[in-house]
N, C-alpha and C. Protein backbone atom coordinates (compact mmCIF):
# COMPACT_ATOMS: atom_id res chain seq x y z
N MET A 1 -14.78 0.06 -1.34
CA MET A 1 -13.40 0.47 -1.24
C MET A 1 -13.02 0.48 0.24
N ARG A 2 -11.93 -0.18 0.58
CA ARG A 2 -11.47 -0.29 1.96
C ARG A 2 -10.07 0.29 2.08
N ARG A 3 -9.80 1.00 3.16
CA ARG A 3 -8.50 1.62 3.36
C ARG A 3 -7.42 0.56 3.59
N ALA A 4 -6.30 0.67 2.87
CA ALA A 4 -5.18 -0.24 3.03
C ALA A 4 -4.18 0.33 4.03
N GLY A 5 -3.85 1.60 3.90
CA GLY A 5 -2.90 2.24 4.80
C GLY A 5 -2.30 3.49 4.19
N THR A 6 -1.31 4.02 4.87
CA THR A 6 -0.63 5.25 4.45
C THR A 6 0.78 4.91 4.01
N VAL A 7 1.19 5.50 2.89
CA VAL A 7 2.54 5.27 2.36
C VAL A 7 3.54 5.97 3.28
N VAL A 8 4.46 5.17 3.86
CA VAL A 8 5.46 5.73 4.77
C VAL A 8 6.85 5.74 4.17
N GLY A 9 7.01 5.09 3.02
CA GLY A 9 8.33 5.08 2.40
C GLY A 9 8.39 4.24 1.14
N THR A 10 9.53 4.33 0.48
CA THR A 10 9.80 3.50 -0.70
C THR A 10 11.15 2.84 -0.47
N ALA A 11 11.30 1.64 -1.01
CA ALA A 11 12.57 0.92 -0.88
C ALA A 11 12.72 -0.03 -2.04
N GLN A 12 13.79 0.08 -2.77
CA GLN A 12 14.11 -0.81 -3.87
C GLN A 12 12.95 -0.97 -4.85
N GLY A 13 12.29 0.12 -5.16
CA GLY A 13 11.24 0.12 -6.17
C GLY A 13 9.87 -0.36 -5.70
N VAL A 14 9.66 -0.47 -4.39
CA VAL A 14 8.35 -0.85 -3.86
C VAL A 14 7.87 0.21 -2.88
N LEU A 15 6.56 0.22 -2.61
CA LEU A 15 5.98 1.12 -1.62
C LEU A 15 5.80 0.38 -0.31
N VAL A 16 6.01 1.07 0.81
CA VAL A 16 5.77 0.50 2.13
C VAL A 16 4.64 1.30 2.76
N LEU A 17 3.57 0.59 3.13
CA LEU A 17 2.40 1.22 3.74
C LEU A 17 2.28 0.78 5.19
N ARG A 18 1.79 1.67 6.04
CA ARG A 18 1.51 1.35 7.44
C ARG A 18 0.00 1.25 7.59
N CYS A 19 -0.49 0.09 8.07
CA CYS A 19 -1.93 -0.10 8.28
C CYS A 19 -2.39 0.70 9.49
N ASP A 20 -3.66 1.11 9.46
CA ASP A 20 -4.22 1.88 10.57
C ASP A 20 -4.59 1.01 11.76
N ASP A 21 -4.87 -0.27 11.51
CA ASP A 21 -5.22 -1.18 12.60
C ASP A 21 -4.78 -2.60 12.22
N ASP A 22 -5.28 -3.59 12.93
CA ASP A 22 -4.83 -4.96 12.68
C ASP A 22 -5.57 -5.67 11.56
N THR A 23 -6.58 -5.04 10.97
CA THR A 23 -7.26 -5.64 9.83
C THR A 23 -6.59 -5.13 8.56
N HIS A 24 -6.02 -6.02 7.81
CA HIS A 24 -5.30 -5.61 6.61
C HIS A 24 -5.72 -6.51 5.45
N PRO A 25 -5.62 -6.00 4.22
CA PRO A 25 -5.93 -6.82 3.05
C PRO A 25 -4.87 -7.90 2.85
N GLY A 26 -5.22 -8.93 2.16
CA GLY A 26 -4.31 -10.04 1.94
C GLY A 26 -3.32 -9.81 0.81
N ILE A 27 -2.35 -10.69 0.74
CA ILE A 27 -1.36 -10.64 -0.33
C ILE A 27 -2.07 -10.87 -1.66
N GLY A 28 -1.72 -10.08 -2.65
CA GLY A 28 -2.31 -10.18 -3.97
C GLY A 28 -3.44 -9.20 -4.22
N ALA A 29 -3.87 -8.47 -3.18
CA ALA A 29 -4.96 -7.51 -3.33
C ALA A 29 -4.50 -6.32 -4.18
N ALA A 30 -5.40 -5.83 -5.02
CA ALA A 30 -5.11 -4.67 -5.87
C ALA A 30 -5.23 -3.40 -5.04
N VAL A 31 -4.27 -2.49 -5.18
CA VAL A 31 -4.23 -1.24 -4.43
C VAL A 31 -4.52 -0.09 -5.38
N ILE A 32 -5.36 0.86 -4.92
CA ILE A 32 -5.73 2.04 -5.71
C ILE A 32 -5.54 3.28 -4.86
N ASP A 33 -5.51 4.45 -5.52
CA ASP A 33 -5.41 5.69 -4.77
C ASP A 33 -6.81 6.29 -4.60
N ASP A 34 -6.89 7.51 -4.07
CA ASP A 34 -8.20 8.12 -3.81
C ASP A 34 -8.93 8.53 -5.08
N GLN A 35 -8.25 8.53 -6.22
CA GLN A 35 -8.88 8.83 -7.51
C GLN A 35 -9.26 7.55 -8.25
N LEU A 36 -9.16 6.39 -7.58
CA LEU A 36 -9.46 5.06 -8.13
C LEU A 36 -8.48 4.64 -9.23
N THR A 37 -7.30 5.25 -9.23
CA THR A 37 -6.26 4.88 -10.18
C THR A 37 -5.48 3.69 -9.62
N PRO A 38 -5.31 2.63 -10.41
CA PRO A 38 -4.54 1.47 -9.93
C PRO A 38 -3.10 1.86 -9.60
N VAL A 39 -2.62 1.39 -8.45
CA VAL A 39 -1.26 1.68 -8.00
C VAL A 39 -0.39 0.44 -8.10
N GLY A 40 -0.90 -0.71 -7.65
CA GLY A 40 -0.11 -1.94 -7.68
C GLY A 40 -0.80 -3.06 -6.91
N ARG A 41 0.00 -4.03 -6.46
CA ARG A 41 -0.52 -5.19 -5.72
C ARG A 41 0.32 -5.42 -4.46
N ILE A 42 -0.35 -5.90 -3.41
CA ILE A 42 0.33 -6.22 -2.16
C ILE A 42 1.11 -7.52 -2.35
N VAL A 43 2.40 -7.49 -1.97
CA VAL A 43 3.24 -8.68 -2.13
C VAL A 43 3.77 -9.21 -0.79
N ASP A 44 3.63 -8.43 0.29
CA ASP A 44 4.13 -8.90 1.58
C ASP A 44 3.46 -8.12 2.71
N VAL A 45 3.37 -8.77 3.87
CA VAL A 45 2.87 -8.16 5.10
C VAL A 45 3.90 -8.48 6.18
N PHE A 46 4.33 -7.47 6.95
CA PHE A 46 5.32 -7.71 7.99
C PHE A 46 5.15 -6.71 9.12
N GLY A 47 5.83 -6.96 10.23
CA GLY A 47 5.85 -6.02 11.34
C GLY A 47 4.92 -6.41 12.46
N PRO A 48 4.60 -5.47 13.34
CA PRO A 48 3.78 -5.76 14.51
C PRO A 48 2.34 -6.11 14.12
N VAL A 49 1.73 -6.96 14.92
CA VAL A 49 0.38 -7.42 14.63
C VAL A 49 -0.63 -6.27 14.71
N GLU A 50 -0.45 -5.34 15.64
CA GLU A 50 -1.41 -4.25 15.84
C GLU A 50 -1.48 -3.28 14.66
N HIS A 51 -0.34 -2.98 14.06
CA HIS A 51 -0.26 -2.04 12.93
C HIS A 51 0.78 -2.55 11.94
N PRO A 52 0.44 -3.57 11.15
CA PRO A 52 1.45 -4.14 10.24
C PRO A 52 1.78 -3.21 9.07
N TYR A 53 2.85 -3.55 8.39
CA TYR A 53 3.26 -2.85 7.18
C TYR A 53 2.92 -3.72 5.97
N LEU A 54 2.59 -3.07 4.86
CA LEU A 54 2.31 -3.75 3.61
C LEU A 54 3.36 -3.34 2.59
N VAL A 55 3.81 -4.28 1.78
CA VAL A 55 4.72 -3.99 0.69
C VAL A 55 3.92 -4.08 -0.60
N VAL A 56 3.96 -3.02 -1.39
CA VAL A 56 3.19 -2.96 -2.63
C VAL A 56 4.14 -2.81 -3.81
N THR A 57 4.02 -3.72 -4.77
CA THR A 57 4.78 -3.62 -6.01
C THR A 57 3.96 -2.71 -6.94
N PRO A 58 4.53 -1.57 -7.35
CA PRO A 58 3.76 -0.63 -8.18
C PRO A 58 3.66 -1.09 -9.63
N GLN A 59 2.59 -0.63 -10.28
CA GLN A 59 2.45 -0.86 -11.71
C GLN A 59 3.42 0.05 -12.44
N SER A 60 3.70 -0.28 -13.69
CA SER A 60 4.61 0.58 -14.46
C SER A 60 3.98 1.95 -14.66
N GLY A 61 4.80 2.97 -14.57
CA GLY A 61 4.34 4.34 -14.76
C GLY A 61 3.92 5.04 -13.48
N VAL A 62 3.88 4.35 -12.36
CA VAL A 62 3.49 4.97 -11.09
C VAL A 62 4.69 5.71 -10.52
N GLU A 63 4.50 6.99 -10.18
CA GLU A 63 5.57 7.81 -9.62
C GLU A 63 5.60 7.62 -8.11
N LEU A 64 6.60 6.91 -7.63
CA LEU A 64 6.67 6.58 -6.21
C LEU A 64 6.78 7.80 -5.30
N PRO A 65 7.63 8.80 -5.61
CA PRO A 65 7.77 9.94 -4.69
C PRO A 65 6.47 10.71 -4.47
N ARG A 66 5.60 10.78 -5.46
CA ARG A 66 4.37 11.56 -5.28
C ARG A 66 3.39 10.88 -4.34
N LEU A 67 3.58 9.59 -4.07
CA LEU A 67 2.67 8.85 -3.21
C LEU A 67 3.06 8.87 -1.73
N LEU A 68 4.24 9.42 -1.40
CA LEU A 68 4.65 9.48 0.01
C LEU A 68 3.62 10.26 0.82
N GLY A 69 3.14 9.64 1.89
CA GLY A 69 2.14 10.26 2.75
C GLY A 69 0.70 10.07 2.28
N ALA A 70 0.51 9.48 1.12
CA ALA A 70 -0.84 9.30 0.58
C ALA A 70 -1.54 8.10 1.21
N ARG A 71 -2.85 8.19 1.35
CA ARG A 71 -3.65 7.05 1.79
C ARG A 71 -4.02 6.24 0.57
N LEU A 72 -3.84 4.94 0.67
CA LEU A 72 -4.18 4.04 -0.43
C LEU A 72 -5.26 3.07 0.02
N TYR A 73 -5.97 2.50 -0.96
CA TYR A 73 -7.14 1.69 -0.69
C TYR A 73 -7.07 0.39 -1.50
N VAL A 74 -7.92 -0.57 -1.12
CA VAL A 74 -8.09 -1.81 -1.90
C VAL A 74 -9.54 -1.89 -2.32
N ARG A 75 -9.75 -2.59 -3.43
CA ARG A 75 -11.13 -2.79 -3.90
C ARG A 75 -11.76 -3.94 -3.20
């Protein structure tokens, strides 16, 4: 399990994560929370090279507001 980043916001039904460093998972990677519950998939990477942002499309049933500030991971 590798850290993907921290949820910094939601926009138009997607999660926006901020990476801790410049190593980030690729587009299409499955994202999980600290309880190993599937959250969604990465669909975009943008922003500065040192600390990019990830856009995650959530799976159905995922409550976006409860994930604000949460650390998410990839398998």
